[in-house]
């Protein structure tokens, strides 16, 4: 479905209309695993993205449930439909730092079959899909701390997306910005630590 909703600022050379499509038209479900339990076991933090459970919880909290975890490959995504102060309607992240990993089965995991997965992650980070997700949540209804949005409902939300080439251009731009921000933060950390130590010593 064509739409006139396009950004006011675009990269040079892109003039096509953005298209409204259901997530399920450009993505497919990822579920199950191949029995390997020695892979990294991850969890999603709205603030930090994918985190190893050993680092976040000082240990693997999966327990017996790990056998039911989903095997995710690099470039595939998961939607953690638990709300938080930072992500009222959950958060979506693409797996980038590991080639393969095990993630909780309760996440809605999927792979992009027509588009760029990193663009889809950034698109969800804009909170634009929150308007669609909000329609799916019954007033106050939650299950085990998760918003009561099932996979099929999630796949039915509408996204307004450009063609794959423009998606890649946009995602590369924001990835470069993320790397630049991280680089500057690393440069600032030692200086901040010195200032903090001086403050404490005084």
Protein backbone atom coordinates (compact mmCIF):
# COMPACT_ATOMS: atom_id res chain seq x y z
CA UNK A 1 0.00 0.00 0.00
CA UNK A 2 1.51 3.32 -1.08
CA UNK A 3 1.55 6.28 1.28
CA UNK A 4 2.60 9.90 1.02
CA UNK A 5 4.11 9.73 4.47
CA UNK A 6 7.80 10.20 3.68
CA UNK A 7 10.50 12.02 5.67
CA UNK A 8 11.13 15.68 4.92
CA UNK A 9 14.88 14.99 4.93
CA UNK A 10 16.15 12.11 2.80
CA UNK A 11 19.43 10.87 1.39
CA UNK A 12 20.19 12.06 -2.10
CA UNK A 13 18.88 9.83 -4.87
CA UNK A 14 15.84 8.43 -3.04
CA UNK A 15 12.47 9.68 -4.25
CA UNK A 16 10.17 6.64 -4.08
CA UNK A 17 7.18 6.73 -1.75
CA UNK A 18 7.44 4.78 1.47
CA UNK A 19 5.08 1.82 1.59
CA UNK A 20 2.76 0.73 4.37
CA UNK A 21 3.16 -2.98 5.00
CA UNK A 22 2.27 -5.38 7.75
CA UNK A 23 5.27 -6.70 9.65
CA UNK A 24 4.20 -10.24 8.71
CA UNK A 25 4.59 -9.36 5.02
CA UNK A 26 8.28 -8.60 5.40
CA UNK A 27 9.23 -10.94 8.25
CA UNK A 28 8.87 -14.60 9.27
CA UNK A 29 8.80 -16.33 12.63
CA UNK A 30 11.92 -17.82 14.23
CA UNK A 31 11.36 -20.46 16.90
CA UNK A 32 12.79 -23.67 18.31
CA UNK A 33 16.42 -24.77 18.61
CA UNK A 34 18.71 -27.60 17.54
CA UNK A 35 19.46 -28.94 21.00
CA UNK A 36 22.74 -27.14 21.62
CA UNK A 37 22.70 -25.71 25.13
CA UNK A 38 26.29 -24.38 25.23
CA UNK A 39 25.49 -21.22 23.24
CA UNK A 40 25.37 -17.76 24.86
CA UNK A 41 22.07 -17.26 26.68
CA UNK A 42 20.82 -13.72 26.25
CA UNK A 43 18.15 -11.39 27.49
CA UNK A 44 16.92 -8.00 26.26
CA UNK A 45 17.39 -4.83 28.25
CA UNK A 46 15.44 -1.84 26.93
CA UNK A 47 18.40 0.39 27.83
CA UNK A 48 21.26 -1.78 26.62
CA UNK A 49 19.84 -4.19 24.06
CA UNK A 50 21.07 -7.77 24.11
CA UNK A 51 22.90 -8.78 27.28
CA UNK A 52 24.40 -12.10 28.33
CA UNK A 53 22.40 -13.45 31.26
CA UNK A 54 25.65 -14.22 33.09
CA UNK A 55 26.58 -10.53 32.95
CA UNK A 56 23.16 -9.11 33.74
CA UNK A 57 22.12 -11.54 36.47
CA UNK A 58 25.54 -12.86 37.60
CA UNK A 59 24.55 -16.24 36.26
CA UNK A 60 22.39 -18.12 33.77
CA UNK A 61 18.80 -17.87 35.02
CA UNK A 62 17.29 -19.99 32.25
CA UNK A 63 17.49 -23.22 34.23
CA UNK A 64 15.45 -26.10 32.84
CA UNK A 65 13.55 -23.70 30.59
CA UNK A 66 16.69 -23.24 28.47
CA UNK A 67 15.82 -26.36 26.48
CA UNK A 68 12.82 -24.42 25.18
CA UNK A 69 14.77 -21.27 24.30
CA UNK A 70 14.81 -19.98 20.72
CA UNK A 71 17.96 -20.29 18.61
CA UNK A 72 18.62 -16.87 17.11
CA UNK A 73 21.16 -16.20 14.36
CA UNK A 74 23.02 -12.98 13.66
CA UNK A 75 20.72 -10.49 11.95
CA UNK A 76 17.53 -12.02 13.37
CA UNK A 77 15.42 -10.06 15.83
CA UNK A 78 13.35 -10.46 18.97
CA UNK A 79 10.55 -8.41 20.47
CA UNK A 80 10.56 -8.37 24.25
CA UNK A 81 6.93 -7.52 24.97
CA UNK A 82 7.52 -6.56 28.57
CA UNK A 83 7.01 -2.90 29.36
CA UNK A 84 9.40 -0.63 31.23
CA UNK A 85 9.95 3.07 31.84
CA UNK A 86 12.10 3.22 28.72
CA UNK A 87 9.89 1.03 26.56
CA UNK A 88 6.22 1.16 27.50
CA UNK A 89 5.27 -1.19 24.68
CA UNK A 90 8.38 -3.36 24.66
CA UNK A 91 11.60 -3.29 22.65
CA UNK A 92 12.96 -4.88 19.49
CA UNK A 93 16.64 -5.66 18.95
CA UNK A 94 18.60 -7.36 16.18
CA UNK A 95 21.28 -9.87 17.18
CA UNK A 96 24.61 -8.35 16.15
CA UNK A 97 27.34 -9.28 18.66
CA UNK A 98 26.94 -13.07 18.44
CA UNK A 99 26.76 -15.44 15.49
CA UNK A 100 24.24 -17.59 17.35
CA UNK A 101 22.56 -17.36 20.74
CA UNK A 102 19.68 -18.74 22.78
CA UNK A 103 16.94 -16.28 23.75
CA UNK A 104 13.78 -16.67 25.85
CA UNK A 105 10.91 -18.42 24.09
CA UNK A 106 8.48 -15.78 25.40
CA UNK A 107 10.09 -13.21 23.09
CA UNK A 108 8.53 -12.88 19.65
CA UNK A 109 11.54 -13.74 17.48
CA UNK A 110 11.58 -13.16 13.74
CA UNK A 111 13.77 -12.64 10.69
CA UNK A 112 13.38 -10.03 7.99
CA UNK A 113 12.80 -11.60 4.58
CA UNK A 114 12.26 -8.38 2.63
CA UNK A 115 14.28 -5.50 4.03
CA UNK A 116 17.09 -4.64 6.42
CA UNK A 117 16.91 -6.01 9.99
CA UNK A 118 18.89 -3.16 11.53
CA UNK A 119 16.50 -0.66 9.95
CA UNK A 120 13.59 -2.51 11.55
CA UNK A 121 15.34 -2.25 14.93
CA UNK A 122 15.85 1.48 14.50
CA UNK A 123 12.26 1.87 13.30
CA UNK A 124 10.96 0.35 16.54
CA UNK A 125 13.37 2.54 18.52
CA UNK A 126 11.58 5.63 17.15
CA UNK A 127 8.46 4.49 19.08
CA UNK A 128 6.35 5.00 15.94
CA UNK A 129 5.01 1.40 16.16
CA UNK A 130 3.84 2.10 19.73
CA UNK A 131 0.59 3.49 18.33
CA UNK A 132 -0.10 0.14 16.68
CA UNK A 133 1.03 -1.89 19.70
CA UNK A 134 -1.11 0.17 22.08
CA UNK A 135 -4.23 -0.91 20.18
CA UNK A 136 -3.43 -4.55 20.96
CA UNK A 137 -3.06 -4.20 24.70
CA UNK A 138 -6.17 -4.71 26.80
CA UNK A 139 -6.49 -2.20 29.61
CA UNK A 140 -4.14 -3.30 32.37
CA UNK A 141 -3.94 -6.85 31.02
CA UNK A 142 -0.57 -8.51 31.55
CA UNK A 143 0.70 -12.08 31.71
CA UNK A 144 3.79 -12.86 33.82
CA UNK A 145 4.96 -9.27 33.45
CA UNK A 146 4.50 -9.29 29.68
CA UNK A 147 2.09 -7.26 27.58
CA UNK A 148 -0.62 -9.58 26.28
CA UNK A 149 0.37 -9.25 22.62
CA UNK A 150 0.60 -12.60 20.85
CA UNK A 151 2.86 -13.31 17.90
CA UNK A 152 0.19 -13.13 15.21
CA UNK A 153 -1.04 -9.80 16.53
CA UNK A 154 2.50 -8.50 16.55
CA UNK A 155 3.01 -9.59 12.94
CA UNK A 156 -0.19 -7.76 12.02
CA UNK A 157 0.99 -4.26 12.94
CA UNK A 158 1.54 -1.76 10.13
CA UNK A 159 4.93 -0.25 9.35
CA UNK A 160 5.69 2.48 6.83
CA UNK A 161 8.99 1.57 5.18
CA UNK A 162 11.13 2.59 2.18
CA UNK A 163 12.69 0.18 -0.31
CA UNK A 164 15.55 -2.05 0.84
CA UNK A 165 18.30 0.21 -0.57
CA UNK A 166 17.04 3.20 1.39
CA UNK A 167 16.61 1.04 4.50
CA UNK A 168 20.26 0.01 4.27
CA UNK A 169 21.39 3.62 3.77
CA UNK A 170 19.45 4.77 6.82
CA UNK A 171 20.56 1.88 9.03
CA UNK A 172 24.22 2.36 8.06
CA UNK A 173 23.97 6.05 8.91
CA UNK A 174 22.58 5.39 12.37
CA UNK A 175 25.01 2.52 12.99
CA UNK A 176 27.89 4.90 12.25
CA UNK A 177 26.42 7.43 14.67
CA UNK A 178 26.11 4.75 17.35
CA UNK A 179 29.77 3.79 16.90
CA UNK A 180 30.82 7.45 17.07
CA UNK A 181 28.84 8.00 20.28
CA UNK A 182 30.35 4.85 21.83
CA UNK A 183 33.86 6.00 20.86
CA UNK A 184 33.38 9.39 22.49
CA UNK A 185 31.91 7.79 25.61
CA UNK A 186 34.98 5.59 25.95
CA UNK A 187 37.21 8.64 25.64
CA UNK A 188 35.20 10.48 28.29
CA UNK A 189 35.04 7.62 30.80
CA UNK A 190 38.68 7.89 32.05
CA UNK A 191 38.31 11.67 32.45
CA UNK A 192 35.04 11.29 34.32
CA UNK A 193 36.60 8.66 36.60
CA UNK A 194 39.51 10.97 37.46
CA UNK A 195 37.12 13.83 38.27
CA UNK A 196 34.96 11.54 40.42
CA UNK A 197 38.01 10.28 42.33
CA UNK A 198 39.18 13.83 43.00
CA UNK A 199 35.69 14.75 44.26
CA UNK A 200 35.66 11.73 46.59
CA UNK A 201 39.19 12.45 47.85
CA UNK A 202 38.20 16.02 48.71
